[in-house]
Amino acid sequence: MNATSRAILQTVLSTDPSLSPLEQNAVRDLIEGRTEAKGEQVSFDGEHLLISQKRAASLLDVSRVTIWRMTKESILHPVEVIPGTWRYPCDEILAIARQGTGAGAVASGDRQRSAA
C-alpha cells in the first residue's frame, strides 16, 4: 500500500464516527497490511449464520475468554453443532457489536442488574 492510501485510510478511521467496530477492524487490518482472505465470511443480510468463538471474539474485539464469560453469564447463547463443538449465532454477535458499548460493558451491566 502506498503512503497516500495509508493516509486516507487512517483519516477515515480517525474521523468517521459512523464506522461499526467490524468496519474499524477491517480498516485497521488494511492499514497494517493484513489482507489475507478470512476463512469465515459474515453475512449482513439477516441470515442466521453460526460462527466460531474465535470469530465472535474478533468481531467484538475481545478475547476468547470474554466470549466464554459472556456465555457463562447467559449474554451469548451458543449452539452445539456436534458434541463438544459450539458456534455462536452471527446475528446475536452483530447486535452486540452494533451497540457500540463493547462487550465488557454488556457483561458488567448484566452483572450489576442481576446483583440488584
C-alpha atoms as a PDB file:
ATOM      1  CA  MET A   1       0.000   0.000   0.000  1.00  0.00           C
ATOM      2  CA  ASN A   2       1.355   3.412  -0.879  1.00  0.00           C
ATOM      3  CA  ALA A   3       1.657   6.272   1.608  1.00  0.00           C
ATOM      4  CA  THR A   4      -1.306   8.198   0.179  1.00  0.00           C
ATOM      5  CA  SER A   5      -3.693   5.261   0.514  1.00  0.00           C
ATOM      6  CA  ARG A   6      -2.471   4.601   4.051  1.00  0.00           C
ATOM      7  CA  ALA A   7      -3.016   8.276   4.981  1.00  0.00           C
ATOM      8  CA  ILE A   8      -6.542   8.237   3.540  1.00  0.00           C
ATOM      9  CA  LEU A   9      -7.468   5.095   5.467  1.00  0.00           C
ATOM     10  CA  GLN A  10      -6.016   6.482   8.707  1.00  0.00           C
ATOM     11  CA  THR A  11      -8.012   9.689   8.233  1.00  0.00           C
ATOM     12  CA  VAL A  12     -11.214   7.740   7.622  1.00  0.00           C
ATOM     13  CA  LEU A  13     -10.555   5.587  10.681  1.00  0.00           C
ATOM     14  CA  SER A  14      -9.964   8.570  12.961  1.00  0.00           C
ATOM     15  CA  THR A  15     -12.699  10.880  11.664  1.00  0.00           C
ATOM     16  CA  ASP A  16     -15.684   8.742  10.609  1.00  0.00           C
ATOM     17  CA  PRO A  17     -17.875   8.022  13.659  1.00  0.00           C
ATOM     18  CA  SER A  18     -20.348   6.012  11.579  1.00  0.00           C
ATOM     19  CA  LEU A  19     -17.940   3.071  11.143  1.00  0.00           C
ATOM     20  CA  SER A  20     -19.036  -0.028  13.022  1.00  0.00           C
ATOM     21  CA  PRO A  21     -16.468  -1.886  15.152  1.00  0.00           C
ATOM     22  CA  LEU A  22     -16.277  -4.545  12.427  1.00  0.00           C
ATOM     23  CA  GLU A  23     -15.571  -1.910   9.781  1.00  0.00           C
ATOM     24  CA  GLN A  24     -12.979  -0.232  12.031  1.00  0.00           C
ATOM     25  CA  ASN A  25     -11.197  -3.569  12.462  1.00  0.00           C
ATOM     26  CA  ALA A  26     -11.254  -4.153   8.697  1.00  0.00           C
ATOM     27  CA  VAL A  27      -9.706  -0.723   8.036  1.00  0.00           C
ATOM     28  CA  ARG A  28      -7.044  -1.355  10.721  1.00  0.00           C
ATOM     29  CA  ASP A  29      -6.251  -4.696   9.068  1.00  0.00           C
ATOM     30  CA  LEU A  30      -5.794  -2.944   5.720  1.00  0.00           C
ATOM     31  CA  ILE A  31      -3.551  -0.264   7.234  1.00  0.00           C
ATOM     32  CA  GLU A  32      -1.414  -2.919   8.930  1.00  0.00           C
ATOM     33  CA  GLY A  33      -1.157  -4.953   5.727  1.00  0.00           C
ATOM     34  CA  ARG A  34      -3.303  -7.885   6.844  1.00  0.00           C
ATOM     35  CA  THR A  35      -5.277  -8.508   3.675  1.00  0.00           C
ATOM     36  CA  GLU A  36      -5.362 -12.298   3.626  1.00  0.00           C
ATOM     37  CA  ALA A  37      -8.723 -13.877   2.927  1.00  0.00           C
ATOM     38  CA  LYS A  38     -10.591 -14.846   6.053  1.00  0.00           C
ATOM     39  CA  GLY A  39     -11.747 -18.425   6.413  1.00  0.00           C
ATOM     40  CA  GLU A  40     -15.205 -17.373   7.532  1.00  0.00           C
ATOM     41  CA  GLN A  41     -17.302 -14.765   5.793  1.00  0.00           C
ATOM     42  CA  VAL A  42     -20.005 -12.949   7.723  1.00  0.00           C
ATOM     43  CA  SER A  43     -23.271 -12.162   6.010  1.00  0.00           C
ATOM     44  CA  PHE A  44     -25.084  -8.968   6.869  1.00  0.00           C
ATOM     45  CA  ASP A  45     -28.293  -9.857   5.060  1.00  0.00           C
ATOM     46  CA  GLY A  46     -30.078 -11.184   8.148  1.00  0.00           C
ATOM     47  CA  GLU A  47     -29.308 -14.862   7.626  1.00  0.00           C
ATOM     48  CA  HIS A  48     -28.882 -16.901  10.791  1.00  0.00           C
ATOM     49  CA  LEU A  49     -25.277 -17.958  10.482  1.00  0.00           C
ATOM     50  CA  LEU A  50     -23.211 -19.653  13.141  1.00  0.00           C
ATOM     51  CA  ILE A  51     -19.653 -18.515  13.827  1.00  0.00           C
ATOM     52  CA  SER A  52     -16.809 -19.840  15.957  1.00  0.00           C
ATOM     53  CA  GLN A  53     -15.776 -18.483  19.342  1.00  0.00           C
ATOM     54  CA  LYS A  54     -12.599 -17.106  17.787  1.00  0.00           C
ATOM     55  CA  ARG A  55     -14.557 -15.252  15.081  1.00  0.00           C
ATOM     56  CA  ALA A  56     -17.045 -13.918  17.656  1.00  0.00           C
ATOM     57  CA  ALA A  57     -14.141 -12.588  19.723  1.00  0.00           C
ATOM     58  CA  SER A  58     -12.668 -10.962  16.639  1.00  0.00           C
ATOM     59  CA  LEU A  59     -15.952  -9.291  15.686  1.00  0.00           C
ATOM     60  CA  LEU A  60     -16.429  -7.909  19.204  1.00  0.00           C
ATOM     61  CA  ASP A  61     -12.738  -7.065  19.562  1.00  0.00           C
ATOM     62  CA  VAL A  62     -12.466  -9.001  22.829  1.00  0.00           C
ATOM     63  CA  SER A  63     -10.603 -12.118  23.950  1.00  0.00           C
ATOM     64  CA  ARG A  64     -11.945 -15.652  23.673  1.00  0.00           C
ATOM     65  CA  VAL A  65     -12.043 -15.705  27.492  1.00  0.00           C
ATOM     66  CA  THR A  66     -14.503 -12.790  27.399  1.00  0.00           C
ATOM     67  CA  ILE A  67     -16.688 -14.717  24.940  1.00  0.00           C
ATOM     68  CA  TRP A  68     -16.618 -17.701  27.300  1.00  0.00           C
ATOM     69  CA  ARG A  69     -17.507 -15.428  30.251  1.00  0.00           C
ATOM     70  CA  MET A  70     -20.379 -13.840  28.299  1.00  0.00           C
ATOM     71  CA  THR A  71     -21.629 -17.360  27.522  1.00  0.00           C
ATOM     72  CA  LYS A  72     -21.404 -18.374  31.174  1.00  0.00           C
ATOM     73  CA  GLU A  73     -23.356 -15.230  32.148  1.00  0.00           C
ATOM     74  CA  SER A  74     -26.042 -16.065  29.525  1.00  0.00           C
ATOM     75  CA  ILE A  75     -25.312 -12.965  27.474  1.00  0.00           C
ATOM     76  CA  LEU A  76     -24.421 -15.163  24.499  1.00  0.00           C
ATOM     77  CA  HIS A  77     -26.263 -18.340  23.542  1.00  0.00           C
ATOM     78  CA  PRO A  78     -24.087 -20.781  21.583  1.00  0.00           C
ATOM     79  CA  VAL A  79     -25.389 -23.778  19.692  1.00  0.00           C
ATOM     80  CA  GLU A  80     -23.720 -27.192  19.985  1.00  0.00           C
ATOM     81  CA  VAL A  81     -23.366 -28.322  16.361  1.00  0.00           C
ATOM     82  CA  ILE A  82     -21.682 -31.621  17.221  1.00  0.00           C
ATOM     83  CA  PRO A  83     -20.760 -32.876  20.689  1.00  0.00           C
ATOM     84  CA  GLY A  84     -18.146 -30.524  22.117  1.00  0.00           C
ATOM     85  CA  THR A  85     -18.267 -28.053  19.200  1.00  0.00           C
ATOM     86  CA  TRP A  86     -20.096 -24.791  19.839  1.00  0.00           C
ATOM     87  CA  ARG A  87     -20.970 -21.978  17.448  1.00  0.00           C
ATOM     88  CA  TYR A  88     -22.484 -18.565  18.104  1.00  0.00           C
ATOM     89  CA  PRO A  89     -25.386 -17.020  16.170  1.00  0.00           C
ATOM     90  CA  CYS A  90     -23.915 -14.314  13.967  1.00  0.00           C
ATOM     91  CA  ASP A  91     -26.937 -12.024  14.386  1.00  0.00           C
ATOM     92  CA  GLU A  92     -26.517 -12.129  18.182  1.00  0.00           C
ATOM     93  CA  ILE A  93     -22.820 -11.181  17.951  1.00  0.00           C
ATOM     94  CA  LEU A  94     -23.505  -8.420  15.428  1.00  0.00           C
ATOM     95  CA  ALA A  95     -26.293  -6.988  17.599  1.00  0.00           C
ATOM     96  CA  ILE A  96     -23.835  -6.606  20.483  1.00  0.00           C
ATOM     97  CA  ALA A  97     -21.214  -5.142  18.137  1.00  0.00           C
ATOM     98  CA  ARG A  98     -23.724  -2.586  16.829  1.00  0.00           C
ATOM     99  CA  GLN A  99     -24.475  -1.393  20.362  1.00  0.00           C
ATOM    100  CA  GLY A 100     -21.015   0.138  20.299  1.00  0.00           C
ATOM    101  CA  THR A 101     -20.665  -0.115  24.063  1.00  0.00           C
ATOM    102  CA  GLY A 102     -18.219  -3.005  23.927  1.00  0.00           C
ATOM    103  CA  ALA A 103     -18.775  -6.498  25.159  1.00  0.00           C
ATOM    104  CA  GLY A 104     -17.177  -5.708  28.518  1.00  0.00           C
ATOM    105  CA  ALA A 105     -19.820  -3.086  29.249  1.00  0.00           C
ATOM    106  CA  VAL A 106     -22.581  -5.511  28.284  1.00  0.00           C
ATOM    107  CA  ALA A 107     -21.169  -8.177  30.598  1.00  0.00           C
ATOM    108  CA  SER A 108     -20.647  -5.841  33.557  1.00  0.00           C
ATOM    109  CA  GLY A 109     -24.081  -4.291  33.043  1.00  0.00           C
ATOM    110  CA  ASP A 110     -25.708  -7.710  33.288  1.00  0.00           C
ATOM    111  CA  ARG A 111     -23.801  -8.484  36.472  1.00  0.00           C
ATOM    112  CA  GLN A 112     -24.963  -5.223  38.050  1.00  0.00           C
ATOM    113  CA  ARG A 113     -28.611  -5.902  37.102  1.00  0.00           C
ATOM    114  CA  SER A 114     -28.505  -9.441  38.474  1.00  0.00           C
ATOM    115  CA  ALA A 115     -26.958  -8.215  41.746  1.00  0.00           C
ATOM    116  CA  ALA A 116     -29.766  -5.679  42.266  1.00  0.00           C
END
